[in-house]
Amino acid sequence: MLGEGGAADQIDNDSFMFYTPKAVAGTQANLMLSFNKQQWQAIIPTEKTFSYLYYNAPIVEAITPNYGPVKSPKDEKAIITGKNFECLNGAATCEMKVRFGDEENGTVVTGTVLSLTQIEVHIPKYTKPDILQVEISMNGRDYTNDKVTYGFYDAFVLDVAPRLISKRGGTQLNIRGFGFVDSGSSQIVSKFSSSTLGELTCNGRSPCTNTAQFVDKNTITTQSLP
């Protein structure tokens, strides 16, 4: 035992739930159960000499790439980077769980630990544009809460404001829609053209394009050109 006793909640005739006390990583803890606080029974799996093992909580720092298409026909993969990706059996590599989305509605897939700082994961098929949190679990129960995200894009523009802009350029435009993801400032580009004249020339070049900035999954900003 860890020297601490605590109450356990009975779920049914065969199950109890309790909260583990704090301990340093590597601690091999023994769980003991008593119905009268006098006679104690050890709860230890037959193949082990302890009940459970404490490990350093993993930390997710990034996923690369952090976006991909909706319903991709390819087998998309990504690398999750972070800290404390330790296999519980002590092996150098193992399988673990990666959740895309929240606890209630998220999609859980299997990832492979490549090292203490890298995990490879297959991106799940997703049917709509969205930005989902990516969290991991080394034991299949306790997930991180580091709020790293992956975006499924299928961009569709609904509106641009303002509609009246200066011919000298420099007007900030707010593009509203859905299916936008943060693919990096150098990747997002706005293009200006005419429904009647086709391609426009801006600053002496055609097509008329400018850099754009991701705000959220429904908003992108850019500037008009002269």
Protein backbone atom coordinates (compact mmCIF):
# COMPACT_ATOMS: atom_id res chain seq x y z
CA MET A 1 0.00 0.00 0.00
CA LEU A 2 0.98 3.67 -0.23
CA GLY A 3 0.12 4.28 3.40
CA GLU A 4 -3.18 5.96 2.57
CA GLY A 5 -6.66 4.61 3.02
CA GLY A 6 -9.69 5.94 1.18
CA ALA A 7 -13.31 5.18 0.52
CA ALA A 8 -14.32 3.09 -2.47
CA ASP A 9 -17.69 3.46 -4.20
CA GLN A 10 -19.55 0.26 -4.97
CA ILE A 11 -20.81 0.18 -8.56
CA ASP A 12 -22.47 -3.25 -8.42
CA ASN A 13 -21.99 -6.60 -6.67
CA ASP A 14 -18.76 -7.21 -8.58
CA SER A 15 -17.23 -3.75 -9.03
CA PHE A 16 -15.81 -0.89 -6.95
CA MET A 17 -14.42 2.50 -7.98
CA PHE A 18 -11.77 4.49 -6.12
CA TYR A 19 -9.36 7.37 -6.76
CA THR A 20 -5.63 6.67 -6.55
CA PRO A 21 -3.49 8.85 -4.25
CA LYS A 22 -0.47 10.75 -5.58
CA ALA A 23 2.89 9.00 -5.92
CA VAL A 24 6.14 9.37 -7.84
CA ALA A 25 6.59 7.69 -11.23
CA GLY A 26 7.78 4.10 -10.99
CA THR A 27 5.94 3.39 -7.73
CA GLN A 28 4.52 -0.15 -7.64
CA ALA A 29 1.41 0.15 -5.52
CA ASN A 30 -0.57 -2.59 -3.80
CA LEU A 31 -4.34 -2.21 -3.49
CA MET A 32 -6.03 -3.74 -0.45
CA LEU A 33 -9.76 -3.89 0.21
CA SER A 34 -11.60 -4.17 3.51
CA PHE A 35 -15.28 -4.17 4.43
CA ASN A 36 -14.65 -3.60 8.16
CA LYS A 37 -11.29 -1.74 8.23
CA GLN A 38 -9.73 -4.70 10.04
CA GLN A 39 -9.40 -7.65 7.70
CA TRP A 40 -7.69 -6.60 4.45
CA GLN A 41 -7.52 -8.49 1.16
CA ALA A 42 -4.82 -7.75 -1.42
CA ILE A 43 -6.06 -7.12 -4.97
CA ILE A 44 -3.07 -8.21 -7.06
CA PRO A 45 -3.15 -9.88 -10.51
CA THR A 46 -1.78 -13.42 -10.44
CA GLU A 47 0.98 -12.59 -12.96
CA LYS A 48 2.28 -9.58 -10.97
CA THR A 49 3.58 -8.71 -7.52
CA PHE A 50 1.78 -5.34 -7.34
CA SER A 51 -1.65 -3.94 -8.15
CA TYR A 52 -0.77 -1.02 -10.42
CA LEU A 53 2.17 1.08 -11.55
CA TYR A 54 2.52 4.88 -11.49
CA TYR A 55 3.93 6.51 -14.63
CA ASN A 56 4.75 10.04 -15.78
CA ALA A 57 1.71 11.64 -17.36
CA PRO A 58 2.23 12.08 -21.13
CA ILE A 59 2.17 15.57 -22.64
CA VAL A 60 1.06 16.28 -26.22
CA GLU A 61 2.82 19.26 -27.81
CA ALA A 62 2.02 19.00 -31.55
CA ILE A 63 0.69 16.84 -34.36
CA THR A 64 2.27 16.97 -37.85
CA PRO A 65 0.60 17.54 -40.22
CA ASN A 66 -2.15 19.22 -38.22
CA TYR A 67 -4.75 19.22 -40.99
CA GLY A 68 -6.07 17.02 -43.79
CA PRO A 69 -9.02 16.63 -46.16
CA VAL A 70 -12.45 15.39 -45.19
CA LYS A 71 -13.05 11.76 -46.24
CA SER A 72 -9.55 11.38 -47.65
CA PRO A 73 -9.22 8.34 -49.97
CA LYS A 74 -5.65 7.89 -48.75
CA ASP A 75 -4.42 6.25 -45.56
CA GLU A 76 -3.38 9.49 -43.89
CA LYS A 77 -0.81 9.31 -41.09
CA ALA A 78 0.54 11.89 -38.64
CA ILE A 79 3.26 12.13 -36.00
CA ILE A 80 2.33 13.29 -32.50
CA THR A 81 5.22 14.85 -30.60
CA GLY A 82 5.45 15.48 -26.87
CA LYS A 83 6.92 14.01 -23.70
CA ASN A 84 6.66 10.91 -21.50
CA PHE A 85 5.39 8.50 -24.15
CA GLU A 86 6.40 5.51 -22.03
CA CYS A 87 5.15 2.00 -22.79
CA LEU A 88 3.68 0.58 -19.60
CA ASN A 89 5.32 -2.82 -20.19
CA GLY A 90 8.76 -1.21 -20.42
CA ALA A 91 9.13 -1.95 -24.14
CA ALA A 92 10.66 0.56 -26.55
CA THR A 93 7.54 0.53 -28.75
CA CYS A 94 3.90 -0.38 -28.11
CA GLU A 95 0.34 0.47 -29.07
CA MET A 96 -1.72 3.06 -27.23
CA LYS A 97 -4.91 5.12 -27.78
CA VAL A 98 -5.40 8.44 -29.57
CA ARG A 99 -8.70 10.32 -29.35
CA PHE A 100 -9.85 12.83 -31.98
CA GLY A 101 -12.59 14.95 -30.43
CA ASP A 102 -14.12 15.20 -26.98
CA GLU A 103 -14.71 12.49 -24.39
CA GLU A 104 -18.38 12.02 -25.28
CA ASN A 105 -18.30 12.03 -29.09
CA GLY A 106 -14.64 11.55 -29.99
CA THR A 107 -13.20 8.88 -32.28
CA VAL A 108 -10.58 6.64 -30.65
CA VAL A 109 -7.92 4.99 -32.81
CA THR A 110 -4.77 3.01 -32.09
CA GLY A 111 -1.40 4.76 -32.20
CA THR A 112 2.13 3.35 -32.13
CA VAL A 113 4.80 4.68 -29.78
CA LEU A 114 8.00 5.29 -31.77
CA SER A 115 10.00 6.83 -28.93
CA LEU A 116 9.55 8.75 -25.68
CA THR A 117 8.71 11.83 -27.76
CA GLN A 118 6.92 10.50 -30.88
CA ILE A 119 3.75 8.57 -31.68
CA GLU A 120 2.56 7.55 -35.16
CA VAL A 121 -1.19 7.53 -35.73
CA HIS A 122 -3.51 6.81 -38.66
CA ILE A 123 -5.95 9.71 -39.16
CA PRO A 124 -9.54 8.47 -38.80
CA LYS A 125 -12.05 9.01 -41.61
CA TYR A 126 -14.21 12.01 -40.80
CA THR A 127 -17.34 13.02 -42.69
CA LYS A 128 -17.49 16.79 -42.12
CA PRO A 129 -15.13 19.76 -41.83
CA ASP A 130 -14.16 20.42 -38.22
CA ILE A 131 -11.27 21.10 -35.87
CA LEU A 132 -10.86 18.39 -33.22
CA GLN A 133 -8.71 18.12 -30.12
CA VAL A 134 -6.12 15.33 -30.21
CA GLU A 135 -5.50 13.64 -26.87
CA ILE A 136 -3.67 10.42 -26.01
CA SER A 137 -3.89 7.71 -23.36
CA MET A 138 -1.16 5.25 -22.43
CA ASN A 139 -3.51 3.07 -20.35
CA GLY A 140 -6.73 3.37 -22.37
CA ARG A 141 -8.53 5.29 -19.61
CA ASP A 142 -6.75 8.52 -18.65
CA TYR A 143 -6.44 10.98 -21.55
CA THR A 144 -4.33 14.11 -21.79
CA ASN A 145 -5.96 17.54 -21.91
CA ASP A 146 -3.37 19.56 -23.84
CA LYS A 147 -5.76 20.96 -26.48
CA VAL A 148 -3.59 20.26 -29.52
CA THR A 149 -5.88 20.20 -32.57
CA TYR A 150 -6.22 18.53 -35.98
CA GLY A 151 -8.34 20.13 -38.70
CA PHE A 152 -10.44 18.35 -41.33
CA TYR A 153 -10.85 20.84 -44.16
CA ASP A 154 -13.44 21.20 -46.91
CA ALA A 155 -13.50 24.99 -47.31
CA PHE A 156 -16.73 26.70 -48.40
CA VAL A 157 -17.13 30.50 -48.52
CA LEU A 158 -20.49 31.96 -47.49
CA ASP A 159 -19.80 35.69 -47.36
CA VAL A 160 -17.16 38.42 -47.61
CA ALA A 161 -17.35 41.76 -45.78
CA PRO A 162 -17.21 44.59 -46.58
CA ARG A 163 -18.62 44.34 -50.09
CA LEU A 164 -17.58 47.91 -51.06
CA ILE A 165 -13.79 48.41 -51.15
CA SER A 166 -11.33 51.08 -52.28
CA LYS A 167 -9.67 50.67 -55.68
CA ARG A 168 -6.39 51.63 -53.98
CA GLY A 169 -6.43 48.35 -52.06
CA GLY A 170 -5.58 47.83 -48.40
CA THR A 171 -9.11 47.08 -47.22
CA GLN A 172 -9.27 44.29 -44.66
CA LEU A 173 -11.73 41.62 -45.73
CA ASN A 174 -13.40 39.12 -43.43
CA ILE A 175 -14.19 35.89 -45.23
CA ARG A 176 -16.90 33.84 -43.53
CA GLY A 177 -17.69 30.19 -44.19
CA PHE A 178 -16.89 26.77 -42.81
CA GLY A 179 -14.31 24.05 -43.19
CA PHE A 180 -11.32 26.39 -42.66
CA VAL A 181 -8.16 25.06 -40.95
CA ASP A 182 -4.90 26.65 -39.86
CA SER A 183 -2.48 25.31 -42.48
CA GLY A 184 0.12 28.00 -41.77
CA SER A 185 0.41 31.65 -42.83
CA SER A 186 2.42 30.78 -45.95
CA GLN A 187 -0.18 28.27 -47.16
CA ILE A 188 -3.41 30.29 -47.02
CA VAL A 189 -3.99 32.47 -50.09
CA SER A 190 -6.94 34.57 -51.24
CA LYS A 191 -7.64 35.02 -54.95
CA PHE A 192 -9.54 37.91 -56.57
CA SER A 193 -11.36 37.51 -59.87
CA SER A 194 -14.44 38.78 -61.68
CA SER A 195 -17.55 36.82 -62.55
CA THR A 196 -17.73 38.74 -65.83
CA LEU A 197 -14.08 39.55 -66.64
CA GLY A 198 -12.44 36.42 -65.29
CA GLU A 199 -8.87 36.77 -63.99
CA LEU A 200 -7.90 40.21 -62.64
CA THR A 201 -4.48 41.87 -62.65
CA CYS A 202 -3.19 43.31 -59.35
CA ASN A 203 0.10 45.15 -58.97
CA GLY A 204 0.89 44.19 -62.53
CA ARG A 205 0.51 40.46 -62.03
CA SER A 206 -2.15 37.85 -62.70
CA PRO A 207 -3.73 35.89 -61.15
CA CYS A 208 -4.53 38.41 -58.43
CA THR A 209 -3.63 36.71 -55.11
CA ASN A 210 -2.72 37.80 -51.62
CA THR A 211 -1.80 36.11 -48.35
CA ALA A 212 -4.58 35.39 -45.86
CA GLN A 213 -4.72 34.65 -42.13
CA PHE A 214 -6.65 31.95 -40.31
CA VAL A 215 -8.81 33.26 -37.43
CA ASP A 216 -11.00 30.27 -36.62
CA LYS A 217 -12.76 27.45 -38.44
CA ASN A 218 -15.35 29.91 -39.76
CA THR A 219 -13.24 33.03 -40.43
CA ILE A 220 -10.25 34.02 -42.60
CA THR A 221 -8.97 37.58 -43.09
CA THR A 222 -7.11 39.09 -46.04
CA GLN A 223 -6.51 42.48 -47.69
CA SER A 224 -7.69 43.76 -51.05
CA LEU A 225 -5.10 44.70 -53.68
CA PRO A 226 -5.00 47.74 -56.01
